[in-house]
Amino acid sequence: MRKIQKHGAFIISVLVAYLVKDLVLYLMGDFKKMHDDRYFAVGIGMLLVIVIFYPLYELFKEISKSFIESYLRRSKRAVKSRFIGILLGFCLALAFLYGVYAYLWYDINILKDLQAALKL
């Protein structure tokens, strides 16, 4: 069971850290437009990735680890099974991240699409 928790925390941590990196790069697009010196912009971009990405990954790894452990305590009481609790929490987190990535990458609002599909 610990391996499942560890892998789940790793997957969620990587996805969240990558999402934050995408947001930083999106903001860097505005930064690149403000500066004509591309070499300077590349150096600043690399520095931001190192300064932000690694500590953020470590932070989210610890947060998701503690979140999963606290979630397990609650879900064990509600679902009566640790495995199903882990699986359900992991699927909910992936669904949320999927919605955020869909919106950022392709400007897709999954909630509106789901609402429109349910009205049919």
PDB file of N, CA and C in Angstrom:
ATOM      1  N   MET A   1       0.826  -1.194   0.000  1.00  0.00           N
ATOM      2  CA  MET A   1       0.000   0.000   0.000  1.00  0.00           C
ATOM      3  C   MET A   1       0.870   1.257   0.000  1.00  0.00           C
ATOM      4  N   ARG A   2       1.999   1.228   0.691  1.00  0.00           N
ATOM      5  CA  ARG A   2       2.886   2.389   0.736  1.00  0.00           C
ATOM      6  C   ARG A   2       3.414   2.738  -0.652  1.00  0.00           C
ATOM      7  N   LYS A   3       3.686   1.718  -1.488  1.00  0.00           N
ATOM      8  CA  LYS A   3       4.185   1.971  -2.836  1.00  0.00           C
ATOM      9  C   LYS A   3       3.140   2.705  -3.661  1.00  0.00           C
ATOM     10  N   ILE A   4       1.881   2.333  -3.497  1.00  0.00           N
ATOM     11  CA  ILE A   4       0.809   3.000  -4.233  1.00  0.00           C
ATOM     12  C   ILE A   4       0.734   4.463  -3.809  1.00  0.00           C
ATOM     13  N   GLN A   5       0.824   4.722  -2.505  1.00  0.00           N
ATOM     14  CA  GLN A   5       0.813   6.101  -2.010  1.00  0.00           C
ATOM     15  C   GLN A   5       1.994   6.887  -2.572  1.00  0.00           C
ATOM     16  N   LYS A   6       3.158   6.270  -2.553  1.00  0.00           N
ATOM     17  CA  LYS A   6       4.367   6.936  -3.018  1.00  0.00           C
ATOM     18  C   LYS A   6       4.269   7.282  -4.495  1.00  0.00           C
ATOM     19  N   HIS A   7       3.817   6.343  -5.305  1.00  0.00           N
ATOM     20  CA  HIS A   7       3.701   6.586  -6.748  1.00  0.00           C
ATOM     21  C   HIS A   7       2.599   7.594  -7.047  1.00  0.00           C
ATOM     22  N   GLY A   8       1.502   7.517  -6.328  1.00  0.00           N
ATOM     23  CA  GLY A   8       0.424   8.481  -6.516  1.00  0.00           C
ATOM     24  C   GLY A   8       0.877   9.891  -6.180  1.00  0.00           C
ATOM     25  N   ALA A   9       1.586  10.029  -5.080  1.00  0.00           N
ATOM     26  CA  ALA A   9       2.103  11.345  -4.681  1.00  0.00           C
ATOM     27  C   ALA A   9       3.096  11.862  -5.710  1.00  0.00           C
ATOM     28  N   PHE A  10       3.929  10.984  -6.247  1.00  0.00           N
ATOM     29  CA  PHE A  10       4.908  11.387  -7.256  1.00  0.00           C
ATOM     30  C   PHE A  10       4.209  11.882  -8.524  1.00  0.00           C
ATOM     31  N   ILE A  11       3.222  11.132  -9.003  1.00  0.00           N
ATOM     32  CA  ILE A  11       2.515  11.500 -10.236  1.00  0.00           C
ATOM     33  C   ILE A  11       1.809  12.846 -10.076  1.00  0.00           C
ATOM     34  N   ILE A  12       1.085  13.018  -8.979  1.00  0.00           N
ATOM     35  CA  ILE A  12       0.381  14.275  -8.749  1.00  0.00           C
ATOM     36  C   ILE A  12       1.379  15.420  -8.605  1.00  0.00           C
ATOM     37  N   SER A  13       2.486  15.189  -7.909  1.00  0.00           N
ATOM     38  CA  SER A  13       3.501  16.230  -7.718  1.00  0.00           C
ATOM     39  C   SER A  13       4.102  16.675  -9.036  1.00  0.00           C
ATOM     40  N   VAL A  14       4.431  15.727  -9.892  1.00  0.00           N
ATOM     41  CA  VAL A  14       5.025  16.065 -11.189  1.00  0.00           C
ATOM     42  C   VAL A  14       4.025  16.847 -12.032  1.00  0.00           C
ATOM     43  N   LEU A  15       2.768  16.409 -12.067  1.00  0.00           N
ATOM     44  CA  LEU A  15       1.771  17.110 -12.868  1.00  0.00           C
ATOM     45  C   LEU A  15       1.528  18.535 -12.370  1.00  0.00           C
ATOM     46  N   VAL A  16       1.473  18.718 -11.074  1.00  0.00           N
ATOM     47  CA  VAL A  16       1.258  20.062 -10.526  1.00  0.00           C
ATOM     48  C   VAL A  16       2.480  20.939 -10.771  1.00  0.00           C
ATOM     49  N   ALA A  17       3.666  20.389 -10.575  1.00  0.00           N
ATOM     50  CA  ALA A  17       4.889  21.168 -10.803  1.00  0.00           C
ATOM     51  C   ALA A  17       5.004  21.564 -12.276  1.00  0.00           C
ATOM     52  N   TYR A  18       4.650  20.653 -13.180  1.00  0.00           N
ATOM     53  CA  TYR A  18       4.702  20.969 -14.604  1.00  0.00           C
ATOM     54  C   TYR A  18       3.669  22.043 -14.951  1.00  0.00           C
ATOM     55  N   LEU A  19       2.523  21.975 -14.307  1.00  0.00           N
ATOM     56  CA  LEU A  19       1.489  22.979 -14.517  1.00  0.00           C
ATOM     57  C   LEU A  19       1.988  24.359 -14.085  1.00  0.00           C
ATOM     58  N   VAL A  20       2.638  24.428 -12.960  1.00  0.00           N
ATOM     59  CA  VAL A  20       3.190  25.701 -12.489  1.00  0.00           C
ATOM     60  C   VAL A  20       4.275  26.180 -13.439  1.00  0.00           C
ATOM     61  N   LYS A  21       5.087  25.256 -13.941  1.00  0.00           N
ATOM     62  CA  LYS A  21       6.124  25.625 -14.914  1.00  0.00           C
ATOM     63  C   LYS A  21       5.485  26.210 -16.166  1.00  0.00           C
ATOM     64  N   ASP A  22       4.390  25.613 -16.644  1.00  0.00           N
ATOM     65  CA  ASP A  22       3.691  26.147 -17.813  1.00  0.00           C
ATOM     66  C   ASP A  22       3.161  27.552 -17.547  1.00  0.00           C
ATOM     67  N   LEU A  23       2.652  27.775 -16.352  1.00  0.00           N
ATOM     68  CA  LEU A  23       2.170  29.113 -16.010  1.00  0.00           C
ATOM     69  C   LEU A  23       3.317  30.117 -16.000  1.00  0.00           C
ATOM     70  N   VAL A  24       4.468  29.710 -15.460  1.00  0.00           N
ATOM     71  CA  VAL A  24       5.634  30.594 -15.452  1.00  0.00           C
ATOM     72  C   VAL A  24       6.086  30.888 -16.873  1.00  0.00           C
ATOM     73  N   LEU A  25       6.107  29.870 -17.733  1.00  0.00           N
ATOM     74  CA  LEU A  25       6.509  30.093 -19.121  1.00  0.00           C
ATOM     75  C   LEU A  25       5.510  30.963 -19.864  1.00  0.00           C
ATOM     76  N   TYR A  26       4.239  30.835 -19.517  1.00  0.00           N
ATOM     77  CA  TYR A  26       3.217  31.706 -20.104  1.00  0.00           C
ATOM     78  C   TYR A  26       3.502  33.160 -19.729  1.00  0.00           C
ATOM     79  N   LEU A  27       3.836  33.374 -18.471  1.00  0.00           N
ATOM     80  CA  LEU A  27       4.194  34.718 -18.031  1.00  0.00           C
ATOM     81  C   LEU A  27       5.509  35.168 -18.660  1.00  0.00           C
ATOM     82  N   MET A  28       6.399  34.216 -18.922  1.00  0.00           N
ATOM     83  CA  MET A  28       7.677  34.536 -19.570  1.00  0.00           C
ATOM     84  C   MET A  28       7.446  35.034 -20.991  1.00  0.00           C
ATOM     85  N   GLY A  29       6.361  34.604 -21.624  1.00  0.00           N
ATOM     86  CA  GLY A  29       6.051  35.089 -22.959  1.00  0.00           C
ATOM     87  C   GLY A  29       5.923  36.594 -22.961  1.00  0.00           C
ATOM     88  N   ASP A  30       5.272  37.140 -21.957  1.00  0.00           N
ATOM     89  CA  ASP A  30       5.173  38.594 -21.824  1.00  0.00           C
ATOM     90  C   ASP A  30       6.538  39.203 -21.539  1.00  0.00           C
ATOM     91  N   PHE A  31       7.338  38.503 -20.746  1.00  0.00           N
ATOM     92  CA  PHE A  31       8.676  38.985 -20.437  1.00  0.00           C
ATOM     93  C   PHE A  31       9.524  39.033 -21.707  1.00  0.00           C
ATOM     94  N   LYS A  32       9.401  38.006 -22.548  1.00  0.00           N
ATOM     95  CA  LYS A  32      10.178  37.953 -23.792  1.00  0.00           C
ATOM     96  C   LYS A  32       9.802  39.100 -24.719  1.00  0.00           C
ATOM     97  N   LYS A  33       8.533  39.461 -24.734  1.00  0.00           N
ATOM     98  CA  LYS A  33       8.090  40.557 -25.598  1.00  0.00           C
ATOM     99  C   LYS A  33       8.649  41.902 -25.127  1.00  0.00           C
ATOM    100  N   MET A  34       8.919  42.021 -23.837  1.00  0.00           N
ATOM    101  CA  MET A  34       9.404  43.287 -23.289  1.00  0.00           C
ATOM    102  C   MET A  34      10.900  43.476 -23.510  1.00  0.00           C
ATOM    103  N   HIS A  35      11.639  42.405 -23.758  1.00  0.00           N
ATOM    104  CA  HIS A  35      13.096  42.508 -23.902  1.00  0.00           C
ATOM    105  C   HIS A  35      13.519  42.084 -25.301  1.00  0.00           C
ATOM    106  N   ASP A  36      14.377  42.896 -25.898  1.00  0.00           N
ATOM    107  CA  ASP A  36      14.871  42.574 -27.243  1.00  0.00           C
ATOM    108  C   ASP A  36      16.029  41.590 -27.198  1.00  0.00           C
ATOM    109  N   ASP A  37      16.763  41.544 -26.101  1.00  0.00           N
ATOM    110  CA  ASP A  37      17.923  40.670 -25.990  1.00  0.00           C
ATOM    111  C   ASP A  37      17.468  39.247 -25.677  1.00  0.00           C
ATOM    112  N   ARG A  38      17.460  38.393 -26.680  1.00  0.00           N
ATOM    113  CA  ARG A  38      16.988  37.013 -26.506  1.00  0.00           C
ATOM    114  C   ARG A  38      17.901  36.200 -25.599  1.00  0.00           C
ATOM    115  N   TYR A  39      19.199  36.463 -25.664  1.00  0.00           N
ATOM    116  CA  TYR A  39      20.134  35.723 -24.819  1.00  0.00           C
ATOM    117  C   TYR A  39      19.856  35.994 -23.339  1.00  0.00           C
ATOM    118  N   PHE A  40      19.555  37.231 -23.017  1.00  0.00           N
ATOM    119  CA  PHE A  40      19.196  37.586 -21.654  1.00  0.00           C
ATOM    120  C   PHE A  40      17.901  36.880 -21.235  1.00  0.00           C
ATOM    121  N   ALA A  41      16.912  36.863 -22.132  1.00  0.00           N
ATOM    122  CA  ALA A  41      15.626  36.223 -21.837  1.00  0.00           C
ATOM    123  C   ALA A  41      15.804  34.716 -21.619  1.00  0.00           C
ATOM    124  N   VAL A  42      16.672  34.071 -22.414  1.00  0.00           N
ATOM    125  CA  VAL A  42      16.926  32.638 -22.247  1.00  0.00           C
ATOM    126  C   VAL A  42      17.575  32.382 -20.891  1.00  0.00           C
ATOM    127  N   GLY A  43      18.546  33.189 -20.526  1.00  0.00           N
ATOM    128  CA  GLY A  43      19.216  33.025 -19.238  1.00  0.00           C
ATOM    129  C   GLY A  43      18.260  33.209 -18.073  1.00  0.00           C
ATOM    130  N   ILE A  44      17.418  34.234 -18.152  1.00  0.00           N
ATOM    131  CA  ILE A  44      16.428  34.464 -17.093  1.00  0.00           C
ATOM    132  C   ILE A  44      15.441  33.296 -17.046  1.00  0.00           C
ATOM    133  N   GLY A  45      15.023  32.800 -18.202  1.00  0.00           N
ATOM    134  CA  GLY A  45      14.103  31.663 -18.250  1.00  0.00           C
ATOM    135  C   GLY A  45      14.696  30.422 -17.607  1.00  0.00           C
ATOM    136  N   MET A  46      15.957  30.137 -17.924  1.00  0.00           N
ATOM    137  CA  MET A  46      16.631  28.980 -17.330  1.00  0.00           C
ATOM    138  C   MET A  46      16.763  29.146 -15.822  1.00  0.00           C
ATOM    139  N   LEU A  47      17.095  30.335 -15.393  1.00  0.00           N
ATOM    140  CA  LEU A  47      17.219  30.602 -13.965  1.00  0.00           C
ATOM    141  C   LEU A  47      15.880  30.401 -13.255  1.00  0.00           C
ATOM    142  N   LEU A  48      14.806  30.874 -13.871  1.00  0.00           N
ATOM    143  CA  LEU A  48      13.488  30.690 -13.271  1.00  0.00           C
ATOM    144  C   LEU A  48      13.104  29.222 -13.163  1.00  0.00           C
ATOM    145  N   VAL A  49      13.419  28.445 -14.185  1.00  0.00           N
ATOM    146  CA  VAL A  49      13.099  27.019 -14.143  1.00  0.00           C
ATOM    147  C   VAL A  49      13.843  26.349 -12.994  1.00  0.00           C
ATOM    148  N   ILE A  50      15.120  26.670 -12.827  1.00  0.00           N
ATOM    149  CA  ILE A  50      15.895  26.059 -11.749  1.00  0.00           C
ATOM    150  C   ILE A  50      15.420  26.544 -10.385  1.00  0.00           C
ATOM    151  N   VAL A  51      15.208  27.829 -10.250  1.00  0.00           N
ATOM    152  CA  VAL A  51      14.835  28.403  -8.958  1.00  0.00           C
ATOM    153  C   VAL A  51      13.409  28.013  -8.566  1.00  0.00           C
ATOM    154  N   ILE A  52      12.528  27.906  -9.533  1.00  0.00           N
ATOM    155  CA  ILE A  52      11.126  27.644  -9.221  1.00  0.00           C
ATOM    156  C   ILE A  52      10.776  26.159  -9.301  1.00  0.00           C
ATOM    157  N   PHE A  53      11.191  25.484 -10.349  1.00  0.00           N
ATOM    158  CA  PHE A  53      10.708  24.133 -10.598  1.00  0.00           C
ATOM    159  C   PHE A  53      11.145  23.136  -9.532  1.00  0.00           C
ATOM    160  N   TYR A  54      12.427  23.078  -9.210  1.00  0.00           N
ATOM    161  CA  TYR A  54      12.887  22.065  -8.260  1.00  0.00           C
ATOM    162  C   TYR A  54      12.321  22.270  -6.855  1.00  0.00           C
ATOM    163  N   PRO A  55      12.419  23.475  -6.278  1.00  0.00           N
ATOM    164  CA  PRO A  55      11.819  23.644  -4.947  1.00  0.00           C
ATOM    165  C   PRO A  55      10.302  23.422  -4.959  1.00  0.00           C
ATOM    166  N   LEU A  56       9.666  23.816  -6.047  1.00  0.00           N
ATOM    167  CA  LEU A  56       8.223  23.621  -6.148  1.00  0.00           C
ATOM    168  C   LEU A  56       7.883  22.140  -6.200  1.00  0.00           C
ATOM    169  N   TYR A  57       8.668  21.378  -6.945  1.00  0.00           N
ATOM    170  CA  TYR A  57       8.451  19.935  -7.011  1.00  0.00           C
ATOM    171  C   TYR A  57       8.593  19.311  -5.626  1.00  0.00           C
ATOM    172  N   GLU A  58       9.645  19.688  -4.904  1.00  0.00           N
ATOM    173  CA  GLU A  58       9.860  19.147  -3.561  1.00  0.00           C
ATOM    174  C   GLU A  58       8.728  19.550  -2.616  1.00  0.00           C
ATOM    175  N   LEU A  59       8.280  20.796  -2.729  1.00  0.00           N
ATOM    176  CA  LEU A  59       7.188  21.269  -1.891  1.00  0.00           C
ATOM    177  C   LEU A  59       5.910  20.488  -2.169  1.00  0.00           C
ATOM    178  N   PHE A  60       5.562  20.333  -3.447  1.00  0.00           N
ATOM    179  CA  PHE A  60       4.344  19.616  -3.790  1.00  0.00           C
ATOM    180  C   PHE A  60       4.439  18.134  -3.451  1.00  0.00           C
ATOM    181  N   LYS A  61       5.645  17.591  -3.494  1.00  0.00           N
ATOM    182  CA  LYS A  61       5.819  16.202  -3.106  1.00  0.00           C
ATOM    183  C   LYS A  61       5.478  16.024  -1.633  1.00  0.00           C
ATOM    184  N   GLU A  62       5.959  16.931  -0.802  1.00  0.00           N
ATOM    185  CA  GLU A  62       5.663  16.851   0.631  1.00  0.00           C
ATOM    186  C   GLU A  62       4.194  17.140   0.919  1.00  0.00           C
ATOM    187  N   ILE A  63       3.634  18.139   0.250  1.00  0.00           N
ATOM    188  CA  ILE A  63       2.225  18.482   0.460  1.00  0.00           C
ATOM    189  C   ILE A  63       1.326  17.334   0.023  1.00  0.00           C
ATOM    190  N   SER A  64       1.607  16.776  -1.160  1.00  0.00           N
ATOM    191  CA  SER A  64       0.752  15.689  -1.640  1.00  0.00           C
ATOM    192  C   SER A  64       0.917  14.442  -0.774  1.00  0.00           C
ATOM    193  N   LYS A  65       2.110  14.221  -0.236  1.00  0.00           N
ATOM    194  CA  LYS A  65       2.313  13.082   0.652  1.00  0.00           C
ATOM    195  C   LYS A  65       1.469  13.235   1.910  1.00  0.00           C
ATOM    196  N   SER A  66       1.525  14.418   2.519  1.00  0.00           N
ATOM    197  CA  SER A  66       0.723  14.631   3.722  1.00  0.00           C
ATOM    198  C   SER A  66      -0.767  14.647   3.398  1.00  0.00           C
ATOM    199  N   PHE A  67      -1.123  15.176   2.227  1.00  0.00           N
ATOM    200  CA  PHE A  67      -2.527  15.182   1.810  1.00  0.00           C
ATOM    201  C   PHE A  67      -3.041  13.762   1.631  1.00  0.00           C
ATOM    202  N   ILE A  68      -2.265  12.920   0.969  1.00  0.00           N
ATOM    203  CA  ILE A  68      -2.694  11.541   0.733  1.00  0.00           C
ATOM    204  C   ILE A  68      -2.819  10.793   2.059  1.00  0.00           C
ATOM    205  N   GLU A  69      -1.882  11.009   2.971  1.00  0.00           N
ATOM    206  CA  GLU A  69      -1.969  10.331   4.266  1.00  0.00           C
ATOM    207  C   GLU A  69      -3.198  10.773   5.053  1.00  0.00           C
ATOM    208  N   SER A  70      -3.499  12.069   5.045  1.00  0.00           N
ATOM    209  CA  SER A  70      -4.685  12.527   5.767  1.00  0.00           C
ATOM    210  C   SER A  70      -5.947  12.076   5.043  1.00  0.00           C
ATOM    211  N   TYR A  71      -5.891  12.059   3.713  1.00  0.00           N
ATOM    212  CA  TYR A  71      -7.037  11.587   2.943  1.00  0.00           C
ATOM    213  C   TYR A  71      -7.326  10.110   3.243  1.00  0.00           C
ATOM    214  N   LEU A  72      -6.268   9.326   3.384  1.00  0.00           N
ATOM    215  CA  LEU A  72      -6.448   7.903   3.673  1.00  0.00           C
ATOM    216  C   LEU A  72      -7.160   7.689   5.004  1.00  0.00           C
ATOM    217  N   ARG A  73      -6.788   8.470   5.987  1.00  0.00           N
ATOM    218  CA  ARG A  73      -7.458   8.321   7.280  1.00  0.00           C
ATOM    219  C   ARG A  73      -8.956   8.608   7.156  1.00  0.00           C
ATOM    220  N   ARG A  74      -9.296   9.642   6.412  1.00  0.00           N
ATOM    221  CA  ARG A  74     -10.718   9.985   6.236  1.00  0.00           C
ATOM    222  C   ARG A  74     -11.430   9.000   5.321  1.00  0.00           C
ATOM    223  N   SER A  75     -10.788   8.642   4.225  1.00  0.00           N
ATOM    224  CA  SER A  75     -11.457   7.775   3.255  1.00  0.00           C
ATOM    225  C   SER A  75     -11.620   6.356   3.773  1.00  0.00           C
ATOM    226  N   LYS A  76     -10.721   5.918   4.646  1.00  0.00           N
ATOM    227  CA  LYS A  76     -10.834   4.579   5.215  1.00  0.00           C
ATOM    228  C   LYS A  76     -12.128   4.466   6.013  1.00  0.00           C
ATOM    229  N   ARG A  77     -12.465   5.532   6.737  1.00  0.00           N
ATOM    230  CA  ARG A  77     -13.719   5.533   7.490  1.00  0.00           C
ATOM    231  C   ARG A  77     -14.928   5.610   6.562  1.00  0.00           C
ATOM    232  N   ALA A  78     -14.822   6.406   5.503  1.00  0.00           N
ATOM    233  CA  ALA A  78     -15.966   6.621   4.610  1.00  0.00           C
ATOM    234  C   ALA A  78     -16.175   5.451   3.655  1.00  0.00           C
ATOM    235  N   VAL A  79     -15.077   4.919   3.106  1.00  0.00           N
ATOM    236  CA  VAL A  79     -15.185   3.893   2.065  1.00  0.00           C
ATOM    237  C   VAL A  79     -14.978   2.488   2.619  1.00  0.00           C
ATOM    238  N   LYS A  80     -14.374   2.367   3.766  1.00  0.00           N
ATOM    239  CA  LYS A  80     -14.080   1.087   4.423  1.00  0.00           C
ATOM    240  C   LYS A  80     -12.971   0.299   3.715  1.00  0.00           C
ATOM    241  N   SER A  81     -12.247   0.945   2.792  1.00  0.00           N
ATOM    242  CA  SER A  81     -11.160   0.265   2.100  1.00  0.00           C
ATOM    243  C   SER A  81     -10.086   1.295   1.763  1.00  0.00           C
ATOM    244  N   ARG A  82      -8.878   1.054   2.208  1.00  0.00           N
ATOM    245  CA  ARG A  82      -7.782   1.975   1.917  1.00  0.00           C
ATOM    246  C   ARG A  82      -7.501   2.053   0.434  1.00  0.00           C
ATOM    247  N   PHE A  83      -7.503   0.904  -0.232  1.00  0.00           N
ATOM    248  CA  PHE A  83      -7.174   0.882  -1.657  1.00  0.00           C
ATOM    249  C   PHE A  83      -8.183   1.683  -2.465  1.00  0.00           C
ATOM    250  N   ILE A  84      -9.460   1.485  -2.201  1.00  0.00           N
ATOM    251  CA  ILE A  84     -10.490   2.225  -2.928  1.00  0.00           C
ATOM    252  C   ILE A  84     -10.387   3.712  -2.595  1.00  0.00           C
ATOM    253  N   GLY A  85     -10.070   4.056  -1.353  1.00  0.00           N
ATOM    254  CA  GLY A  85      -9.884   5.449  -0.967  1.00  0.00           C
ATOM    255  C   GLY A  85      -8.742   6.106  -1.724  1.00  0.00           C
ATOM    256  N   ILE A  86      -7.607   5.399  -1.814  1.00  0.00           N
ATOM    257  CA  ILE A  86      -6.467   5.922  -2.569  1.00  0.00           C
ATOM    258  C   ILE A  86      -6.846   6.083  -4.034  1.00  0.00           C
ATOM    259  N   LEU A  87      -7.470   5.058  -4.587  1.00  0.00           N
ATOM    260  CA  LEU A  87      -7.840   5.089  -6.003  1.00  0.00           C
ATOM    261  C   LEU A  87      -8.808   6.224  -6.303  1.00  0.00           C
ATOM    262  N   LEU A  88      -9.795   6.407  -5.458  1.00  0.00           N
ATOM    263  CA  LEU A  88     -10.776   7.459  -5.658  1.00  0.00           C
ATOM    264  C   LEU A  88     -10.125   8.843  -5.557  1.00  0.00           C
ATOM    265  N   GLY A  89      -9.312   9.055  -4.547  1.00  0.00           N
ATOM    266  CA  GLY A  89      -8.624  10.338  -4.396  1.00  0.00           C
ATOM    267  C   GLY A  89      -7.691  10.631  -5.551  1.00  0.00           C
ATOM    268  N   PHE A  90      -6.972   9.616  -6.011  1.00  0.00           N
ATOM    269  CA  PHE A  90      -6.055   9.773  -7.136  1.00  0.00           C
ATOM    270  C   PHE A  90      -6.819  10.131  -8.405  1.00  0.00           C
ATOM    271  N   CYS A  91      -7.931   9.448  -8.645  1.00  0.00           N
ATOM    272  CA  CYS A  91      -8.741   9.724  -9.844  1.00  0.00           C
ATOM    273  C   CYS A  91      -9.340  11.130  -9.800  1.00  0.00           C
ATOM    274  N   LEU A  92      -9.784  11.566  -8.630  1.00  0.00           N
ATOM    275  CA  LEU A  92     -10.319  12.925  -8.508  1.00  0.00           C
ATOM    276  C   LEU A  92      -9.238  13.971  -8.769  1.00  0.00           C
ATOM    277  N   ALA A  93      -8.043  13.744  -8.247  1.00  0.00           N
ATOM    278  CA  ALA A  93      -6.939  14.683  -8.478  1.00  0.00           C
ATOM    279  C   ALA A  93      -6.565  14.719  -9.956  1.00  0.00           C
ATOM    280  N   LEU A  94      -6.510  13.555 -10.601  1.00  0.00           N
ATOM    281  CA  LEU A  94      -6.194  13.515 -12.030  1.00  0.00           C
ATOM    282  C   LEU A  94      -7.271  14.203 -12.858  1.00  0.00           C
ATOM    283  N   ALA A  95      -8.532  14.013 -12.498  1.00  0.00           N
ATOM    284  CA  ALA A  95      -9.627  14.658 -13.226  1.00  0.00           C
ATOM    285  C   ALA A  95      -9.522  16.178 -13.106  1.00  0.00           C
ATOM    286  N   PHE A  96      -9.206  16.669 -11.906  1.00  0.00           N
ATOM    287  CA  PHE A  96      -9.041  18.109 -11.717  1.00  0.00           C
ATOM    288  C   PHE A  96      -7.882  18.635 -12.557  1.00  0.00           C
ATOM    289  N   LEU A  97      -6.735  17.961 -12.494  1.00  0.00           N
ATOM    290  CA  LEU A  97      -5.577  18.393 -13.274  1.00  0.00           C
ATOM    291  C   LEU A  97      -5.843  18.300 -14.773  1.00  0.00           C
ATOM    292  N   TYR A  98      -6.583  17.293 -15.196  1.00  0.00           N
ATOM    293  CA  TYR A  98      -6.948  17.154 -16.606  1.00  0.00           C
ATOM    294  C   TYR A  98      -7.744  18.378 -17.063  1.00  0.00           C
ATOM    295  N   GLY A  99      -8.687  18.809 -16.232  1.00  0.00           N
ATOM    296  CA  GLY A  99      -9.478  19.989 -16.567  1.00  0.00           C
ATOM    297  C   GLY A  99      -8.632  21.246 -16.662  1.00  0.00           C
ATOM    298  N   VAL A 100      -7.688  21.396 -15.749  1.00  0.00           N
ATOM    299  CA  VAL A 100      -6.826  22.577 -15.771  1.00  0.00           C
ATOM    300  C   VAL A 100      -5.924  22.558 -17.002  1.00  0.00           C
ATOM    301  N   TYR A 101      -5.316  21.416 -17.291  1.00  0.00           N
ATOM    302  CA  TYR A 101      -4.467  21.307 -18.479  1.00  0.00           C
ATOM    303  C   TYR A 101      -5.272  21.543 -19.758  1.00  0.00           C
ATOM    304  N   ALA A 102      -6.472  21.005 -19.860  1.00  0.00           N
ATOM    305  CA  ALA A 102      -7.305  21.201 -21.046  1.00  0.00           C
ATOM    306  C   ALA A 102      -7.609  22.678 -21.252  1.00  0.00           C
ATOM    307  N   TYR A 103      -7.858  23.366 -20.160  1.00  0.00           N
ATOM    308  CA  TYR A 103      -8.157  24.794 -20.265  1.00  0.00           C
ATOM    309  C   TYR A 103      -6.919  25.585 -20.681  1.00  0.00           C
ATOM    310  N   LEU A 104      -5.769  25.286 -20.071  1.00  0.00           N
ATOM    311  CA  LEU A 104      -4.558  26.037 -20.382  1.00  0.00           C
ATOM    312  C   LEU A 104      -4.018  25.742 -21.775  1.00  0.00           C
ATOM    313  N   TRP A 105      -4.024  24.491 -22.169  1.00  0.00           N
ATOM    314  CA  TRP A 105      -3.418  24.113 -23.446  1.00  0.00           C
ATOM    315  C   TRP A 105      -4.334  24.365 -24.637  1.00  0.00           C
ATOM    316  N   TYR A 106      -5.630  24.083 -24.500  1.00  0.00           N
ATOM    317  CA  TYR A 106      -6.535  24.149 -25.650  1.00  0.00           C
ATOM    318  C   TYR A 106      -7.745  25.047 -25.422  1.00  0.00           C
ATOM    319  N   ASP A 107      -7.778  25.770 -24.303  1.00  0.00           N
ATOM    320  CA  ASP A 107      -8.885  26.655 -23.967  1.00  0.00           C
ATOM    321  C   ASP A 107     -10.224  25.907 -23.962  1.00  0.00           C
ATOM    322  N   ILE A 108     -10.205  24.704 -23.413  1.00  0.00           N
ATOM    323  CA  ILE A 108     -11.405  23.866 -23.311  1.00  0.00           C
ATOM    324  C   ILE A 108     -11.928  23.964 -21.885  1.00  0.00           C
ATOM    325  N   ASN A 109     -13.194  24.313 -21.743  1.00  0.00           N
ATOM    326  CA  ASN A 109     -13.827  24.352 -20.430  1.00  0.00           C
ATOM    327  C   ASN A 109     -14.639  23.064 -20.276  1.00  0.00           C
ATOM    328  N   ILE A 110     -14.089  22.123 -19.564  1.00  0.00           N
ATOM    329  CA  ILE A 110     -14.708  20.806 -19.437  1.00  0.00           C
ATOM    330  C   ILE A 110     -16.041  20.891 -18.702  1.00  0.00           C
ATOM    331  N   LEU A 111     -16.139  21.767 -17.715  1.00  0.00           N
ATOM    332  CA  LEU A 111     -17.394  21.884 -16.971  1.00  0.00           C
ATOM    333  C   LEU A 111     -18.532  22.360 -17.866  1.00  0.00           C
ATOM    334  N   LYS A 112     -18.262  23.335 -18.727  1.00  0.00           N
ATOM    335  CA  LYS A 112     -19.298  23.807 -19.659  1.00  0.00           C
ATOM    336  C   LYS A 112     -19.665  22.718 -20.661  1.00  0.00           C
ATOM    337  N   ASP A 113     -18.656  22.027 -21.172  1.00  0.00           N
ATOM    338  CA  ASP A 113     -18.917  20.940 -22.123  1.00  0.00           C
ATOM    339  C   ASP A 113     -19.724  19.814 -21.481  1.00  0.00           C
ATOM    340  N   LEU A 114     -19.393  19.480 -20.243  1.00  0.00           N
ATOM    341  CA  LEU A 114     -20.116  18.437 -19.533  1.00  0.00           C
ATOM    342  C   LEU A 114     -21.546  18.871 -19.245  1.00  0.00           C
ATOM    343  N   GLN A 115     -21.715  20.112 -18.868  1.00  0.00           N
ATOM    344  CA  GLN A 115     -23.043  20.649 -18.614  1.00  0.00           C
ATOM    345  C   GLN A 115     -23.887  20.639 -19.901  1.00  0.00           C
ATOM    346  N   ALA A 116     -23.284  21.028 -21.014  1.00  0.00           N
ATOM    347  CA  ALA A 116     -24.013  21.018 -22.294  1.00  0.00           C
ATOM    348  C   ALA A 116     -24.352  19.589 -22.705  1.00  0.00           C
ATOM    349  N   ALA A 117     -23.472  18.652 -22.455  1.00  0.00           N
ATOM    350  CA  ALA A 117     -23.732  17.260 -22.832  1.00  0.00           C
ATOM    351  C   ALA A 117     -24.852  16.658 -21.975  1.00  0.00           C
ATOM    352  N   LEU A 118     -24.934  17.052 -20.721  1.00  0.00           N
ATOM    353  CA  LEU A 118     -25.973  16.510 -19.843  1.00  0.00           C
ATOM    354  C   LEU A 118     -27.351  17.098 -20.153  1.00  0.00           C
ATOM    355  N   LYS A 119     -27.407  18.275 -20.779  1.00  0.00           N
ATOM    356  CA  LYS A 119     -28.678  18.883 -21.142  1.00  0.00           C
ATOM    357  C   LYS A 119     -29.325  18.189 -22.339  1.00  0.00           C
ATOM    358  N   LEU A 120     -28.505  17.499 -23.124  1.00  0.00           N
ATOM    359  CA  LEU A 120     -29.050  16.828 -24.328  1.00  0.00           C
ATOM    360  C   LEU A 120     -29.920  15.700 -23.967  1.00  0.00           C
TER     361      LEU A 120
END
